[in-house]
């Protein structure tokens, strides 16, 4: 996000105002203290001329999943499902 905003000819505060959010909210995302919500993804994509592609939200989900997949957690045993009952 920080790299994308480097090419925008306005301050973070001005960009935040342009997309209708507070400077603090946008700064938290830019500085990796918060993630993209679907709504924020749409606002940023539209402001950057990316339409409503949701690219920022998809990147956030991929990052969140990557972090979760590498976190230590308790092993969970698969549940045995009786094929006759499942049908």
N, C-alpha and C. Protein backbone atom coordinates (compact mmCIF):
# COMPACT_ATOMS: atom_id res chain seq x y z
N UNK A 1 0.83 -1.19 0.00
CA UNK A 1 0.00 0.00 0.00
C UNK A 1 0.88 1.25 0.00
N UNK A 2 1.93 1.23 0.83
CA UNK A 2 2.81 2.39 0.92
C UNK A 2 3.39 2.73 -0.46
N UNK A 3 3.80 1.68 -1.19
CA UNK A 3 4.38 1.89 -2.51
C UNK A 3 3.35 2.46 -3.49
N UNK A 4 2.12 2.01 -3.41
CA UNK A 4 1.07 2.51 -4.30
C UNK A 4 0.80 3.98 -4.05
N UNK A 5 0.86 4.40 -2.80
CA UNK A 5 0.58 5.80 -2.47
C UNK A 5 1.73 6.74 -2.83
N UNK A 6 2.93 6.17 -3.04
CA UNK A 6 4.06 7.02 -3.41
C UNK A 6 3.82 7.72 -4.75
N UNK A 7 3.03 7.09 -5.62
CA UNK A 7 2.74 7.66 -6.94
C UNK A 7 1.51 8.57 -6.95
N UNK A 8 0.84 8.69 -5.82
CA UNK A 8 -0.35 9.53 -5.72
C UNK A 8 0.09 10.94 -5.34
N UNK A 9 -0.30 11.94 -6.12
CA UNK A 9 0.16 13.31 -5.86
C UNK A 9 -0.60 14.02 -4.74
N UNK A 10 -0.72 13.36 -3.58
CA UNK A 10 -1.36 13.99 -2.43
C UNK A 10 -0.85 13.32 -1.17
N UNK A 11 -1.06 13.98 -0.05
CA UNK A 11 -0.63 13.43 1.23
C UNK A 11 -1.56 12.29 1.65
N UNK A 12 -1.13 11.54 2.64
CA UNK A 12 -1.98 10.48 3.18
C UNK A 12 -3.28 11.08 3.72
N UNK A 13 -3.17 12.23 4.38
CA UNK A 13 -4.37 12.88 4.91
C UNK A 13 -5.32 13.28 3.79
N UNK A 14 -4.78 13.81 2.70
CA UNK A 14 -5.62 14.20 1.57
C UNK A 14 -6.25 12.98 0.90
N UNK A 15 -5.47 11.91 0.76
CA UNK A 15 -6.01 10.69 0.15
C UNK A 15 -7.11 10.10 1.03
N UNK A 16 -6.87 10.10 2.34
CA UNK A 16 -7.88 9.60 3.29
C UNK A 16 -9.17 10.40 3.15
N UNK A 17 -9.05 11.71 3.08
CA UNK A 17 -10.24 12.56 2.92
C UNK A 17 -10.92 12.27 1.59
N UNK A 18 -10.13 12.04 0.55
CA UNK A 18 -10.67 11.77 -0.78
C UNK A 18 -11.53 10.49 -0.78
N UNK A 19 -11.09 9.47 -0.03
CA UNK A 19 -11.84 8.21 -0.01
C UNK A 19 -12.83 8.13 1.14
N UNK A 20 -12.89 9.17 1.96
CA UNK A 20 -13.90 9.25 3.01
C UNK A 20 -13.60 8.50 4.28
N UNK A 21 -12.30 8.43 4.64
CA UNK A 21 -11.92 7.80 5.90
C UNK A 21 -10.99 8.75 6.65
N UNK A 22 -10.75 8.46 7.91
CA UNK A 22 -9.85 9.31 8.68
C UNK A 22 -8.40 9.03 8.30
N UNK A 23 -7.55 10.01 8.54
CA UNK A 23 -6.12 9.84 8.29
C UNK A 23 -5.55 8.72 9.16
N UNK A 24 -6.02 8.63 10.39
CA UNK A 24 -5.54 7.58 11.31
C UNK A 24 -5.88 6.20 10.75
N UNK A 25 -7.09 6.02 10.26
CA UNK A 25 -7.50 4.73 9.69
C UNK A 25 -6.61 4.34 8.53
N UNK A 26 -6.39 5.26 7.62
CA UNK A 26 -5.54 4.96 6.46
C UNK A 26 -4.09 4.74 6.88
N UNK A 27 -3.60 5.53 7.80
CA UNK A 27 -2.22 5.37 8.28
C UNK A 27 -2.00 4.02 8.93
N UNK A 28 -2.99 3.53 9.66
CA UNK A 28 -2.86 2.21 10.29
C UNK A 28 -2.70 1.12 9.23
N UNK A 29 -3.39 1.25 8.11
CA UNK A 29 -3.27 0.27 7.03
C UNK A 29 -1.92 0.43 6.34
N UNK A 30 -1.56 1.66 6.02
CA UNK A 30 -0.29 1.93 5.34
C UNK A 30 0.89 1.41 6.15
N UNK A 31 0.82 1.55 7.47
CA UNK A 31 1.93 1.14 8.34
C UNK A 31 1.77 -0.27 8.90
N UNK A 32 0.88 -1.05 8.29
CA UNK A 32 0.69 -2.47 8.63
C UNK A 32 0.25 -2.71 10.07
N UNK A 33 -0.51 -1.77 10.61
CA UNK A 33 -1.08 -1.97 11.95
C UNK A 33 -2.54 -2.40 11.87
N UNK A 34 -3.08 -2.41 10.67
CA UNK A 34 -4.45 -2.86 10.43
C UNK A 34 -4.51 -3.42 9.01
N UNK A 35 -5.51 -4.23 8.76
CA UNK A 35 -5.66 -4.84 7.44
C UNK A 35 -6.78 -4.19 6.65
N UNK A 36 -6.86 -4.60 5.40
CA UNK A 36 -7.90 -4.10 4.52
C UNK A 36 -9.22 -4.81 4.79
N UNK A 37 -10.27 -4.05 4.94
CA UNK A 37 -11.63 -4.60 4.97
C UNK A 37 -12.13 -4.59 3.53
N UNK A 38 -13.21 -5.32 3.25
CA UNK A 38 -13.77 -5.24 1.89
C UNK A 38 -14.11 -3.80 1.49
N UNK A 39 -14.69 -3.04 2.41
CA UNK A 39 -15.07 -1.66 2.12
C UNK A 39 -13.85 -0.80 1.80
N UNK A 40 -12.80 -0.92 2.59
CA UNK A 40 -11.59 -0.14 2.36
C UNK A 40 -10.94 -0.53 1.03
N UNK A 41 -10.96 -1.81 0.73
CA UNK A 41 -10.41 -2.29 -0.54
C UNK A 41 -11.13 -1.64 -1.72
N UNK A 42 -12.44 -1.59 -1.65
CA UNK A 42 -13.22 -0.96 -2.72
C UNK A 42 -12.91 0.53 -2.83
N UNK A 43 -12.82 1.22 -1.71
CA UNK A 43 -12.54 2.66 -1.74
C UNK A 43 -11.18 2.95 -2.37
N UNK A 44 -10.16 2.19 -1.94
CA UNK A 44 -8.81 2.42 -2.46
C UNK A 44 -8.73 2.04 -3.93
N UNK A 45 -9.31 0.90 -4.29
CA UNK A 45 -9.29 0.47 -5.69
C UNK A 45 -9.95 1.49 -6.60
N UNK A 46 -11.09 2.00 -6.19
CA UNK A 46 -11.79 2.99 -7.01
C UNK A 46 -10.99 4.28 -7.13
N UNK A 47 -10.37 4.72 -6.04
CA UNK A 47 -9.58 5.95 -6.06
C UNK A 47 -8.34 5.81 -6.95
N UNK A 48 -7.78 4.60 -7.00
CA UNK A 48 -6.57 4.37 -7.80
C UNK A 48 -6.90 3.93 -9.23
N UNK A 49 -8.19 3.97 -9.58
CA UNK A 49 -8.59 3.63 -10.93
C UNK A 49 -8.56 2.14 -11.23
N UNK A 50 -8.69 1.33 -10.19
CA UNK A 50 -8.68 -0.13 -10.35
C UNK A 50 -10.09 -0.70 -10.37
N UNK A 51 -11.09 0.14 -10.44
CA UNK A 51 -12.47 -0.33 -10.43
C UNK A 51 -12.82 -0.94 -9.09
N UNK A 52 -13.68 -1.93 -9.12
CA UNK A 52 -14.08 -2.62 -7.88
C UNK A 52 -13.53 -4.03 -7.89
N UNK A 53 -12.27 -4.16 -8.27
CA UNK A 53 -11.65 -5.48 -8.41
C UNK A 53 -11.44 -6.21 -7.09
N UNK A 54 -11.32 -5.48 -5.98
CA UNK A 54 -11.10 -6.12 -4.69
C UNK A 54 -9.68 -6.64 -4.52
N UNK A 55 -8.74 -6.15 -5.33
CA UNK A 55 -7.37 -6.65 -5.29
C UNK A 55 -6.74 -6.49 -3.91
N UNK A 56 -6.99 -5.37 -3.25
CA UNK A 56 -6.38 -5.14 -1.93
C UNK A 56 -6.92 -6.12 -0.90
N UNK A 57 -8.20 -6.41 -0.96
CA UNK A 57 -8.79 -7.37 -0.01
C UNK A 57 -8.27 -8.78 -0.28
N UNK A 58 -8.14 -9.15 -1.55
CA UNK A 58 -7.60 -10.48 -1.88
C UNK A 58 -6.16 -10.62 -1.41
N UNK A 59 -5.36 -9.57 -1.58
CA UNK A 59 -3.98 -9.63 -1.08
C UNK A 59 -3.96 -9.74 0.44
N UNK A 60 -4.87 -9.03 1.11
CA UNK A 60 -4.94 -9.10 2.57
C UNK A 60 -5.31 -10.51 3.02
N UNK A 61 -6.30 -11.12 2.34
CA UNK A 61 -6.71 -12.49 2.69
C UNK A 61 -5.57 -13.47 2.47
N UNK A 62 -4.85 -13.33 1.36
CA UNK A 62 -3.72 -14.23 1.08
C UNK A 62 -2.65 -14.09 2.15
N UNK A 63 -2.38 -12.87 2.56
CA UNK A 63 -1.38 -12.62 3.61
C UNK A 63 -1.85 -13.22 4.95
N UNK A 64 -3.10 -12.97 5.31
CA UNK A 64 -3.64 -13.50 6.57
C UNK A 64 -3.60 -15.02 6.58
N UNK A 65 -3.96 -15.65 5.46
CA UNK A 65 -3.94 -17.11 5.39
C UNK A 65 -2.52 -17.63 5.50
N UNK A 66 -1.58 -16.97 4.84
CA UNK A 66 -0.18 -17.37 4.90
C UNK A 66 0.32 -17.33 6.34
N UNK A 67 0.00 -16.24 7.06
CA UNK A 67 0.44 -16.12 8.46
C UNK A 67 -0.21 -17.20 9.32
N UNK A 68 -1.50 -17.45 9.12
CA UNK A 68 -2.20 -18.48 9.91
C UNK A 68 -1.63 -19.86 9.64
N UNK A 69 -1.25 -20.12 8.39
CA UNK A 69 -0.74 -21.45 8.04
C UNK A 69 0.63 -21.72 8.67
N UNK A 70 1.33 -20.68 9.06
CA UNK A 70 2.65 -20.84 9.66
C UNK A 70 2.66 -20.67 11.17
N UNK A 71 1.54 -20.31 11.74
CA UNK A 71 1.45 -20.14 13.19
C UNK A 71 1.40 -21.49 13.88
N UNK A 72 1.99 -21.55 15.06
CA UNK A 72 1.92 -22.79 15.84
C UNK A 72 0.51 -22.93 16.38
N UNK A 73 -0.02 -24.12 16.23
CA UNK A 73 -1.35 -24.39 16.76
C UNK A 73 -1.48 -25.87 17.06
N UNK A 74 -2.46 -26.19 17.84
CA UNK A 74 -2.71 -27.56 18.23
C UNK A 74 -3.15 -28.36 17.00
N UNK A 75 -2.63 -29.60 16.89
CA UNK A 75 -3.04 -30.48 15.80
C UNK A 75 -4.49 -30.88 15.99
N UNK A 76 -5.21 -30.92 14.90
CA UNK A 76 -6.62 -31.31 14.94
C UNK A 76 -6.77 -32.58 14.13
N UNK A 77 -7.30 -33.60 14.79
CA UNK A 77 -7.51 -34.88 14.10
C UNK A 77 -8.70 -34.77 13.17
N UNK A 78 -8.59 -35.37 11.98
CA UNK A 78 -9.75 -35.40 11.08
C UNK A 78 -10.89 -36.22 11.70
N UNK A 79 -12.09 -35.87 11.40
CA UNK A 79 -13.27 -36.59 11.87
C UNK A 79 -13.57 -37.70 10.87
N UNK A 80 -13.81 -38.88 11.39
CA UNK A 80 -14.21 -39.98 10.51
C UNK A 80 -15.68 -39.82 10.19
N UNK A 81 -15.99 -39.83 8.91
CA UNK A 81 -17.36 -39.69 8.50
C UNK A 81 -17.80 -40.99 7.85
N UNK A 82 -18.90 -41.53 8.37
CA UNK A 82 -19.44 -42.75 7.84
C UNK A 82 -20.08 -42.41 6.48
N UNK A 83 -19.57 -43.03 5.42
CA UNK A 83 -20.05 -42.74 4.06
C UNK A 83 -21.54 -43.01 3.91
N UNK A 84 -22.07 -44.03 4.58
CA UNK A 84 -23.49 -44.36 4.45
C UNK A 84 -24.36 -43.25 5.07
N UNK A 85 -23.93 -42.68 6.19
CA UNK A 85 -24.70 -41.64 6.85
C UNK A 85 -24.55 -40.30 6.13
N UNK A 86 -23.42 -40.09 5.50
CA UNK A 86 -23.15 -38.82 4.83
C UNK A 86 -24.03 -38.67 3.59
N UNK A 87 -24.42 -39.74 2.96
CA UNK A 87 -25.21 -39.68 1.73
C UNK A 87 -26.65 -39.51 2.00
